[in-house]
């Protein structure tokens, strides 16, 4: 809240997003929602996690939209937006400096990698290094939403193997040769592990037997079961960790 108010006072005329191709300033984003700095309160932001958010993924997810507005999420809480995640980096740096000041507090923050394209890692690392979001009191956990079915139905990918490739291939490449992407190499030294996220209440058929399709063959519209996602994340990470250990690099934990 403090950050949003401060930014509205000092950077109101900064172009923060494109709406139907037209550039919009921060002021016009808030005007389009009929809001001014004086209207904003913590309650109105509605981003604190209450009991309802723990069982319902949709409600948990909605909490990332300040005042229920996805536009504000895009402007303030995304690394990949019109301003290349500048505001999000500033918020993190303020949080980190509070932690450093109090000395004995640490945070483990989540960043998302969606597995939509192999370039996501490089983009994320570029953001982290460019804005220097590094802090000794902060570690990063990468959360991977289980969205294969959505990518498949939007024709972004053909099979589950592509999804896994987009997530792990860049990591194997940079472990093999850190100079191939020095930003990603540096960023990964602050990443401690991976998390798998989605709506856990969704009904699914958990059957995994010898008949189950391999990722190259899994080209259904349907999402693979949770156990299938986790097995292939675990299998890839095990090989990656052995490889990183041999290279003298940090390894990752799986914490779904």
C-alpha atoms as a PDB file:
ATOM      1  CA  UNK A   1       0.000   0.000   0.000  1.00  0.00           C
ATOM      2  CA  UNK A   2       2.798   2.363   0.960  1.00  0.00           C
ATOM      3  CA  UNK A   3       4.577   1.655  -2.298  1.00  0.00           C
ATOM      4  CA  UNK A   4       1.475   2.146  -4.473  1.00  0.00           C
ATOM      5  CA  UNK A   5       0.671   5.469  -2.784  1.00  0.00           C
ATOM      6  CA  UNK A   6       4.244   6.686  -3.058  1.00  0.00           C
ATOM      7  CA  UNK A   7       4.506   5.718  -6.717  1.00  0.00           C
ATOM      8  CA  UNK A   8       1.190   7.397  -7.512  1.00  0.00           C
ATOM      9  CA  UNK A   9       2.489  10.631  -5.985  1.00  0.00           C
ATOM     10  CA  UNK A  10       5.919  10.591  -7.602  1.00  0.00           C
ATOM     11  CA  UNK A  11       5.527   8.674 -10.891  1.00  0.00           C
ATOM     12  CA  UNK A  12       1.909   9.295 -11.886  1.00  0.00           C
ATOM     13  CA  UNK A  13       2.855  10.256 -15.449  1.00  0.00           C
ATOM     14  CA  UNK A  14       5.012   7.220 -16.144  1.00  0.00           C
ATOM     15  CA  UNK A  15       3.633   5.000 -18.901  1.00  0.00           C
ATOM     16  CA  UNK A  16       3.020   1.644 -17.230  1.00  0.00           C
ATOM     17  CA  UNK A  17       0.949  -0.446 -19.614  1.00  0.00           C
ATOM     18  CA  UNK A  18      -0.620  -0.694 -23.039  1.00  0.00           C
ATOM     19  CA  UNK A  19      -4.404  -0.892 -23.210  1.00  0.00           C
ATOM     20  CA  UNK A  20      -5.629  -2.026 -26.650  1.00  0.00           C
ATOM     21  CA  UNK A  21      -2.409  -0.671 -28.098  1.00  0.00           C
ATOM     22  CA  UNK A  22      -2.663   2.747 -26.398  1.00  0.00           C
ATOM     23  CA  UNK A  23      -0.041   3.658 -23.776  1.00  0.00           C
ATOM     24  CA  UNK A  24      -1.523   4.305 -20.322  1.00  0.00           C
ATOM     25  CA  UNK A  25       0.139   6.220 -17.498  1.00  0.00           C
ATOM     26  CA  UNK A  26      -0.172   5.167 -13.882  1.00  0.00           C
ATOM     27  CA  UNK A  27      -2.537   8.086 -13.306  1.00  0.00           C
ATOM     28  CA  UNK A  28      -4.838   7.028 -16.135  1.00  0.00           C
ATOM     29  CA  UNK A  29      -4.861   3.417 -14.898  1.00  0.00           C
ATOM     30  CA  UNK A  30      -6.155   4.607 -11.530  1.00  0.00           C
ATOM     31  CA  UNK A  31      -8.550   7.102 -13.127  1.00  0.00           C
ATOM     32  CA  UNK A  32     -10.023   4.308 -15.232  1.00  0.00           C
ATOM     33  CA  UNK A  33     -10.844   2.576 -11.932  1.00  0.00           C
ATOM     34  CA  UNK A  34     -12.164   5.799 -10.359  1.00  0.00           C
ATOM     35  CA  UNK A  35      -9.536   5.713  -7.631  1.00  0.00           C
ATOM     36  CA  UNK A  36      -7.177   8.234  -6.074  1.00  0.00           C
ATOM     37  CA  UNK A  37      -4.417   7.765  -3.478  1.00  0.00           C
ATOM     38  CA  UNK A  38      -6.801   8.934  -0.764  1.00  0.00           C
ATOM     39  CA  UNK A  39      -9.236   6.108  -1.454  1.00  0.00           C
ATOM     40  CA  UNK A  40      -6.715   3.327  -0.961  1.00  0.00           C
ATOM     41  CA  UNK A  41      -6.637   1.372   2.286  1.00  0.00           C
ATOM     42  CA  UNK A  42      -5.128  -1.952   3.310  1.00  0.00           C
ATOM     43  CA  UNK A  43      -8.611  -3.481   3.559  1.00  0.00           C
ATOM     44  CA  UNK A  44      -9.444  -2.256   0.100  1.00  0.00           C
ATOM     45  CA  UNK A  45      -6.325  -3.840  -1.410  1.00  0.00           C
ATOM     46  CA  UNK A  46      -7.717  -7.168  -0.139  1.00  0.00           C
ATOM     47  CA  UNK A  47      -4.467  -9.084  -0.567  1.00  0.00           C
ATOM     48  CA  UNK A  48      -4.007 -10.678   2.871  1.00  0.00           C
ATOM     49  CA  UNK A  49      -4.275 -14.457   3.041  1.00  0.00           C
ATOM     50  CA  UNK A  50      -7.225 -15.443   5.217  1.00  0.00           C
ATOM     51  CA  UNK A  51      -8.564 -18.952   5.937  1.00  0.00           C
ATOM     52  CA  UNK A  52     -10.495 -19.133   2.677  1.00  0.00           C
ATOM     53  CA  UNK A  53      -7.363 -18.979   0.570  1.00  0.00           C
ATOM     54  CA  UNK A  54      -5.818 -22.208   1.780  1.00  0.00           C
ATOM     55  CA  UNK A  55      -8.196 -24.678   0.152  1.00  0.00           C
ATOM     56  CA  UNK A  56      -9.306 -22.738  -2.847  1.00  0.00           C
ATOM     57  CA  UNK A  57      -6.624 -22.043  -5.431  1.00  0.00           C
ATOM     58  CA  UNK A  58      -8.800 -19.576  -7.320  1.00  0.00           C
ATOM     59  CA  UNK A  59      -9.248 -17.469  -4.175  1.00  0.00           C
ATOM     60  CA  UNK A  60      -5.556 -17.732  -3.373  1.00  0.00           C
ATOM     61  CA  UNK A  61      -4.746 -16.604  -6.901  1.00  0.00           C
ATOM     62  CA  UNK A  62      -7.199 -13.718  -6.779  1.00  0.00           C
ATOM     63  CA  UNK A  63      -5.320 -12.290  -3.794  1.00  0.00           C
ATOM     64  CA  UNK A  64      -2.506 -11.346  -6.171  1.00  0.00           C
ATOM     65  CA  UNK A  65      -4.821  -8.799  -7.778  1.00  0.00           C
ATOM     66  CA  UNK A  66      -4.765  -5.655  -5.608  1.00  0.00           C
ATOM     67  CA  UNK A  67      -8.343  -4.343  -5.263  1.00  0.00           C
ATOM     68  CA  UNK A  68      -9.327  -7.325  -7.416  1.00  0.00           C
ATOM     69  CA  UNK A  69      -7.832  -5.631 -10.507  1.00  0.00           C
ATOM     70  CA  UNK A  70      -5.622  -7.782 -12.741  1.00  0.00           C
ATOM     71  CA  UNK A  71      -4.245  -4.561 -14.251  1.00  0.00           C
ATOM     72  CA  UNK A  72      -2.689  -3.647 -10.913  1.00  0.00           C
ATOM     73  CA  UNK A  73      -1.200  -7.105 -10.645  1.00  0.00           C
ATOM     74  CA  UNK A  74       0.349  -6.602 -14.049  1.00  0.00           C
ATOM     75  CA  UNK A  75       1.754  -3.170 -13.201  1.00  0.00           C
ATOM     76  CA  UNK A  76       3.008  -3.871  -9.675  1.00  0.00           C
ATOM     77  CA  UNK A  77       3.563  -7.614  -9.324  1.00  0.00           C
ATOM     78  CA  UNK A  78       4.901  -8.904 -12.636  1.00  0.00           C
ATOM     79  CA  UNK A  79       8.497  -9.308 -13.792  1.00  0.00           C
ATOM     80  CA  UNK A  80       7.434  -9.449 -17.405  1.00  0.00           C
ATOM     81  CA  UNK A  81       5.377  -6.358 -18.241  1.00  0.00           C
ATOM     82  CA  UNK A  82       5.542  -3.099 -20.208  1.00  0.00           C
ATOM     83  CA  UNK A  83       8.150  -1.690 -17.780  1.00  0.00           C
ATOM     84  CA  UNK A  84      10.085  -4.968 -17.508  1.00  0.00           C
ATOM     85  CA  UNK A  85       9.065  -5.466 -13.894  1.00  0.00           C
ATOM     86  CA  UNK A  86      10.562  -2.221 -12.556  1.00  0.00           C
ATOM     87  CA  UNK A  87       7.945  -1.627  -9.831  1.00  0.00           C
ATOM     88  CA  UNK A  88       7.955  -5.244  -8.689  1.00  0.00           C
ATOM     89  CA  UNK A  89      11.738  -5.088  -8.291  1.00  0.00           C
ATOM     90  CA  UNK A  90      11.436  -1.893  -6.252  1.00  0.00           C
ATOM     91  CA  UNK A  91       8.876  -3.447  -3.923  1.00  0.00           C
ATOM     92  CA  UNK A  92      11.139  -6.455  -3.385  1.00  0.00           C
ATOM     93  CA  UNK A  93      14.144  -4.239  -2.693  1.00  0.00           C
ATOM     94  CA  UNK A  94      12.158  -2.317  -0.069  1.00  0.00           C
ATOM     95  CA  UNK A  95      11.040  -5.551   1.579  1.00  0.00           C
ATOM     96  CA  UNK A  96      14.612  -6.872   1.462  1.00  0.00           C
ATOM     97  CA  UNK A  97      16.066  -3.726   3.034  1.00  0.00           C
ATOM     98  CA  UNK A  98      13.514  -4.030   5.872  1.00  0.00           C
ATOM     99  CA  UNK A  99      14.662  -7.611   6.403  1.00  0.00           C
ATOM    100  CA  UNK A 100      18.338  -6.638   6.330  1.00  0.00           C
ATOM    101  CA  UNK A 101      17.677  -3.916   8.856  1.00  0.00           C
ATOM    102  CA  UNK A 102      15.943  -6.265  11.278  1.00  0.00           C
ATOM    103  CA  UNK A 103      18.909  -8.613  10.733  1.00  0.00           C
ATOM    104  CA  UNK A 104      17.422 -11.916  11.898  1.00  0.00           C
ATOM    105  CA  UNK A 105      14.512 -12.180   9.491  1.00  0.00           C
ATOM    106  CA  UNK A 106      14.668 -13.994   6.192  1.00  0.00           C
ATOM    107  CA  UNK A 107      12.187 -14.491   3.387  1.00  0.00           C
ATOM    108  CA  UNK A 108      11.734 -17.149   0.781  1.00  0.00           C
ATOM    109  CA  UNK A 109       9.977 -15.548  -2.153  1.00  0.00           C
ATOM    110  CA  UNK A 110       8.261 -17.235  -5.072  1.00  0.00           C
ATOM    111  CA  UNK A 111       8.729 -16.449  -8.741  1.00  0.00           C
ATOM    112  CA  UNK A 112       6.820 -18.223 -11.481  1.00  0.00           C
ATOM    113  CA  UNK A 113       8.191 -20.047 -14.486  1.00  0.00           C
ATOM    114  CA  UNK A 114       5.320 -21.291 -16.639  1.00  0.00           C
ATOM    115  CA  UNK A 115       7.056 -23.598 -19.101  1.00  0.00           C
ATOM    116  CA  UNK A 116       5.442 -21.698 -21.949  1.00  0.00           C
ATOM    117  CA  UNK A 117       8.707 -21.058 -23.820  1.00  0.00           C
ATOM    118  CA  UNK A 118      12.403 -21.814 -23.229  1.00  0.00           C
ATOM    119  CA  UNK A 119      13.170 -18.073 -23.090  1.00  0.00           C
ATOM    120  CA  UNK A 120      11.355 -17.521 -19.781  1.00  0.00           C
ATOM    121  CA  UNK A 121      14.390 -18.324 -17.636  1.00  0.00           C
ATOM    122  CA  UNK A 122      16.645 -15.870 -19.452  1.00  0.00           C
ATOM    123  CA  UNK A 123      14.005 -13.125 -19.118  1.00  0.00           C
ATOM    124  CA  UNK A 124      13.540 -13.769 -15.411  1.00  0.00           C
ATOM    125  CA  UNK A 125      17.283 -13.815 -14.743  1.00  0.00           C
ATOM    126  CA  UNK A 126      17.789 -10.631 -16.764  1.00  0.00           C
ATOM    127  CA  UNK A 127      15.157  -8.920 -14.593  1.00  0.00           C
ATOM    128  CA  UNK A 128      16.748 -10.147 -11.344  1.00  0.00           C
ATOM    129  CA  UNK A 129      20.267  -9.096 -12.329  1.00  0.00           C
ATOM    130  CA  UNK A 130      19.286  -5.806 -13.997  1.00  0.00           C
ATOM    131  CA  UNK A 131      17.442  -4.561 -10.898  1.00  0.00           C
ATOM    132  CA  UNK A 132      19.818  -6.273  -8.500  1.00  0.00           C
ATOM    133  CA  UNK A 133      17.105  -7.864  -6.360  1.00  0.00           C
ATOM    134  CA  UNK A 134      19.804  -9.871  -4.591  1.00  0.00           C
ATOM    135  CA  UNK A 135      19.782  -9.883  -0.789  1.00  0.00           C
ATOM    136  CA  UNK A 136      21.452 -12.169   1.756  1.00  0.00           C
ATOM    137  CA  UNK A 137      18.126 -12.320   3.579  1.00  0.00           C
ATOM    138  CA  UNK A 138      16.164 -13.540   0.564  1.00  0.00           C
ATOM    139  CA  UNK A 139      16.131 -16.867  -1.255  1.00  0.00           C
ATOM    140  CA  UNK A 140      14.003 -17.706  -4.275  1.00  0.00           C
ATOM    141  CA  UNK A 141      11.775 -20.669  -4.880  1.00  0.00           C
ATOM    142  CA  UNK A 142      10.515 -21.163  -8.433  1.00  0.00           C
ATOM    143  CA  UNK A 143       6.876 -22.172  -8.674  1.00  0.00           C
ATOM    144  CA  UNK A 144       5.713 -24.009 -11.757  1.00  0.00           C
ATOM    145  CA  UNK A 145       1.950 -23.908 -12.334  1.00  0.00           C
ATOM    146  CA  UNK A 146       0.515 -27.083 -13.835  1.00  0.00           C
ATOM    147  CA  UNK A 147      -0.933 -25.424 -16.918  1.00  0.00           C
ATOM    148  CA  UNK A 148      -0.054 -27.854 -19.702  1.00  0.00           C
ATOM    149  CA  UNK A 149      -3.743 -28.324 -20.608  1.00  0.00           C
ATOM    150  CA  UNK A 150      -4.208 -24.581 -21.113  1.00  0.00           C
ATOM    151  CA  UNK A 151      -1.101 -24.279 -23.317  1.00  0.00           C
ATOM    152  CA  UNK A 152      -2.228 -27.320 -25.288  1.00  0.00           C
ATOM    153  CA  UNK A 153      -5.759 -26.023 -25.865  1.00  0.00           C
ATOM    154  CA  UNK A 154      -4.325 -22.660 -26.980  1.00  0.00           C
ATOM    155  CA  UNK A 155      -2.027 -24.519 -29.400  1.00  0.00           C
ATOM    156  CA  UNK A 156       1.120 -23.160 -27.724  1.00  0.00           C
ATOM    157  CA  UNK A 157       2.601 -26.655 -27.521  1.00  0.00           C
ATOM    158  CA  UNK A 158       2.043 -30.137 -28.926  1.00  0.00           C
ATOM    159  CA  UNK A 159       2.910 -32.468 -26.076  1.00  0.00           C
ATOM    160  CA  UNK A 160       3.982 -32.646 -22.433  1.00  0.00           C
ATOM    161  CA  UNK A 161       7.587 -33.208 -23.443  1.00  0.00           C
ATOM    162  CA  UNK A 162       7.700 -29.628 -24.786  1.00  0.00           C
ATOM    163  CA  UNK A 163       6.495 -28.325 -21.426  1.00  0.00           C
ATOM    164  CA  UNK A 164       9.279 -30.186 -19.588  1.00  0.00           C
ATOM    165  CA  UNK A 165      11.830 -29.096 -22.169  1.00  0.00           C
ATOM    166  CA  UNK A 166      10.946 -25.422 -21.751  1.00  0.00           C
ATOM    167  CA  UNK A 167      11.537 -25.706 -18.015  1.00  0.00           C
ATOM    168  CA  UNK A 168      14.629 -27.893 -17.821  1.00  0.00           C
ATOM    169  CA  UNK A 169      16.608 -27.521 -21.032  1.00  0.00           C
ATOM    170  CA  UNK A 170      17.806 -23.952 -20.268  1.00  0.00           C
ATOM    171  CA  UNK A 171      18.955 -25.173 -16.835  1.00  0.00           C
ATOM    172  CA  UNK A 172      20.980 -28.063 -18.248  1.00  0.00           C
ATOM    173  CA  UNK A 173      22.525 -25.762 -20.843  1.00  0.00           C
ATOM    174  CA  UNK A 174      23.596 -23.116 -18.342  1.00  0.00           C
ATOM    175  CA  UNK A 175      24.899 -25.783 -15.928  1.00  0.00           C
ATOM    176  CA  UNK A 176      26.959 -27.256 -18.754  1.00  0.00           C
ATOM    177  CA  UNK A 177      28.354 -23.841 -19.745  1.00  0.00           C
ATOM    178  CA  UNK A 178      27.741 -20.959 -17.294  1.00  0.00           C
ATOM    179  CA  UNK A 179      29.105 -18.511 -19.889  1.00  0.00           C
ATOM    180  CA  UNK A 180      26.248 -19.334 -22.249  1.00  0.00           C
ATOM    181  CA  UNK A 181      24.058 -17.131 -20.035  1.00  0.00           C
ATOM    182  CA  UNK A 182      25.968 -15.562 -17.175  1.00  0.00           C
ATOM    183  CA  UNK A 183      22.864 -13.765 -15.849  1.00  0.00           C
ATOM    184  CA  UNK A 184      20.959 -17.027 -15.530  1.00  0.00           C
ATOM    185  CA  UNK A 185      24.011 -18.675 -13.970  1.00  0.00           C
ATOM    186  CA  UNK A 186      24.199 -15.949 -11.295  1.00  0.00           C
ATOM    187  CA  UNK A 187      20.464 -15.963 -10.680  1.00  0.00           C
ATOM    188  CA  UNK A 188      20.377 -19.742 -10.114  1.00  0.00           C
ATOM    189  CA  UNK A 189      22.888 -19.439  -7.266  1.00  0.00           C
ATOM    190  CA  UNK A 190      20.078 -17.740  -5.269  1.00  0.00           C
ATOM    191  CA  UNK A 191      17.371 -20.235  -6.249  1.00  0.00           C
ATOM    192  CA  UNK A 192      16.906 -22.994  -3.707  1.00  0.00           C
ATOM    193  CA  UNK A 193      14.272 -25.139  -5.322  1.00  0.00           C
ATOM    194  CA  UNK A 194      11.010 -25.745  -7.114  1.00  0.00           C
ATOM    195  CA  UNK A 195       7.366 -25.825  -6.187  1.00  0.00           C
ATOM    196  CA  UNK A 196       4.447 -27.185  -8.215  1.00  0.00           C
ATOM    197  CA  UNK A 197       1.220 -25.186  -7.970  1.00  0.00           C
ATOM    198  CA  UNK A 198      -2.357 -25.492  -9.155  1.00  0.00           C
ATOM    199  CA  UNK A 199      -5.828 -26.155  -7.848  1.00  0.00           C
ATOM    200  CA  UNK A 200      -5.373 -29.267  -5.707  1.00  0.00           C
ATOM    201  CA  UNK A 201      -9.103 -29.780  -5.308  1.00  0.00           C
ATOM    202  CA  UNK A 202      -9.620 -30.573  -8.987  1.00  0.00           C
ATOM    203  CA  UNK A 203     -10.768 -34.181  -9.459  1.00  0.00           C
ATOM    204  CA  UNK A 204      -8.363 -36.282 -11.520  1.00  0.00           C
ATOM    205  CA  UNK A 205      -7.589 -39.865 -12.337  1.00  0.00           C
ATOM    206  CA  UNK A 206      -4.373 -40.567 -10.415  1.00  0.00           C
ATOM    207  CA  UNK A 207      -3.720 -43.937 -12.051  1.00  0.00           C
ATOM    208  CA  UNK A 208      -0.105 -44.365 -13.094  1.00  0.00           C
ATOM    209  CA  UNK A 209       0.757 -47.792 -14.430  1.00  0.00           C
ATOM    210  CA  UNK A 210       3.010 -49.287 -17.098  1.00  0.00           C
ATOM    211  CA  UNK A 211       0.475 -48.302 -19.754  1.00  0.00           C
ATOM    212  CA  UNK A 212       0.798 -44.595 -19.002  1.00  0.00           C
ATOM    213  CA  UNK A 213       2.020 -42.463 -21.922  1.00  0.00           C
ATOM    214  CA  UNK A 214       5.517 -40.986 -21.937  1.00  0.00           C
ATOM    215  CA  UNK A 215       5.766 -37.159 -22.150  1.00  0.00           C
ATOM    216  CA  UNK A 216       6.493 -37.325 -25.929  1.00  0.00           C
ATOM    217  CA  UNK A 217       3.255 -39.245 -26.415  1.00  0.00           C
ATOM    218  CA  UNK A 218       1.164 -37.188 -23.976  1.00  0.00           C
ATOM    219  CA  UNK A 219      -0.545 -34.964 -26.519  1.00  0.00           C
ATOM    220  CA  UNK A 220      -4.062 -35.093 -25.004  1.00  0.00           C
ATOM    221  CA  UNK A 221      -5.973 -31.927 -24.233  1.00  0.00           C
ATOM    222  CA  UNK A 222      -6.218 -33.268 -20.706  1.00  0.00           C
ATOM    223  CA  UNK A 223      -3.759 -32.327 -17.969  1.00  0.00           C
ATOM    224  CA  UNK A 224      -1.566 -35.204 -16.712  1.00  0.00           C
ATOM    225  CA  UNK A 225      -2.274 -36.138 -13.063  1.00  0.00           C
ATOM    226  CA  UNK A 226      -0.415 -34.454 -10.216  1.00  0.00           C
ATOM    227  CA  UNK A 227       1.752 -37.543  -9.606  1.00  0.00           C
ATOM    228  CA  UNK A 228       2.810 -37.521 -13.268  1.00  0.00           C
ATOM    229  CA  UNK A 229       3.900 -33.863 -13.102  1.00  0.00           C
ATOM    230  CA  UNK A 230       5.792 -34.480  -9.881  1.00  0.00           C
ATOM    231  CA  UNK A 231       7.505 -37.624 -11.112  1.00  0.00           C
ATOM    232  CA  UNK A 232       8.900 -35.896 -14.200  1.00  0.00           C
ATOM    233  CA  UNK A 233       9.905 -32.797 -12.241  1.00  0.00           C
ATOM    234  CA  UNK A 234      11.653 -35.021  -9.709  1.00  0.00           C
ATOM    235  CA  UNK A 235      13.362 -37.141 -12.366  1.00  0.00           C
ATOM    236  CA  UNK A 236      14.680 -34.117 -14.255  1.00  0.00           C
ATOM    237  CA  UNK A 237      15.799 -32.400 -11.070  1.00  0.00           C
ATOM    238  CA  UNK A 238      17.669 -35.487  -9.847  1.00  0.00           C
ATOM    239  CA  UNK A 239      19.756 -35.619 -13.017  1.00  0.00           C
ATOM    240  CA  UNK A 240      20.198 -31.825 -12.978  1.00  0.00           C
ATOM    241  CA  UNK A 241      21.339 -31.875  -9.339  1.00  0.00           C
ATOM    242  CA  UNK A 242      23.931 -34.598  -9.966  1.00  0.00           C
ATOM    243  CA  UNK A 243      25.219 -32.598 -12.903  1.00  0.00           C
ATOM    244  CA  UNK A 244      25.351 -29.346 -10.906  1.00  0.00           C
ATOM    245  CA  UNK A 245      27.103 -31.066  -8.017  1.00  0.00           C
ATOM    246  CA  UNK A 246      29.785 -32.363 -10.366  1.00  0.00           C
ATOM    247  CA  UNK A 247      30.224 -28.806 -11.670  1.00  0.00           C
ATOM    248  CA  UNK A 248      30.585 -27.528  -8.092  1.00  0.00           C
ATOM    249  CA  UNK A 249      27.303 -25.580  -8.279  1.00  0.00           C
ATOM    250  CA  UNK A 250      24.385 -25.317  -5.848  1.00  0.00           C
ATOM    251  CA  UNK A 251      21.609 -27.898  -6.121  1.00  0.00           C
ATOM    252  CA  UNK A 252      17.813 -27.591  -5.832  1.00  0.00           C
ATOM    253  CA  UNK A 253      15.126 -29.083  -3.618  1.00  0.00           C
ATOM    254  CA  UNK A 254      11.643 -30.152  -4.708  1.00  0.00           C
ATOM    255  CA  UNK A 255       9.106 -28.630  -2.350  1.00  0.00           C
ATOM    256  CA  UNK A 256       5.621 -28.975  -3.831  1.00  0.00           C
END
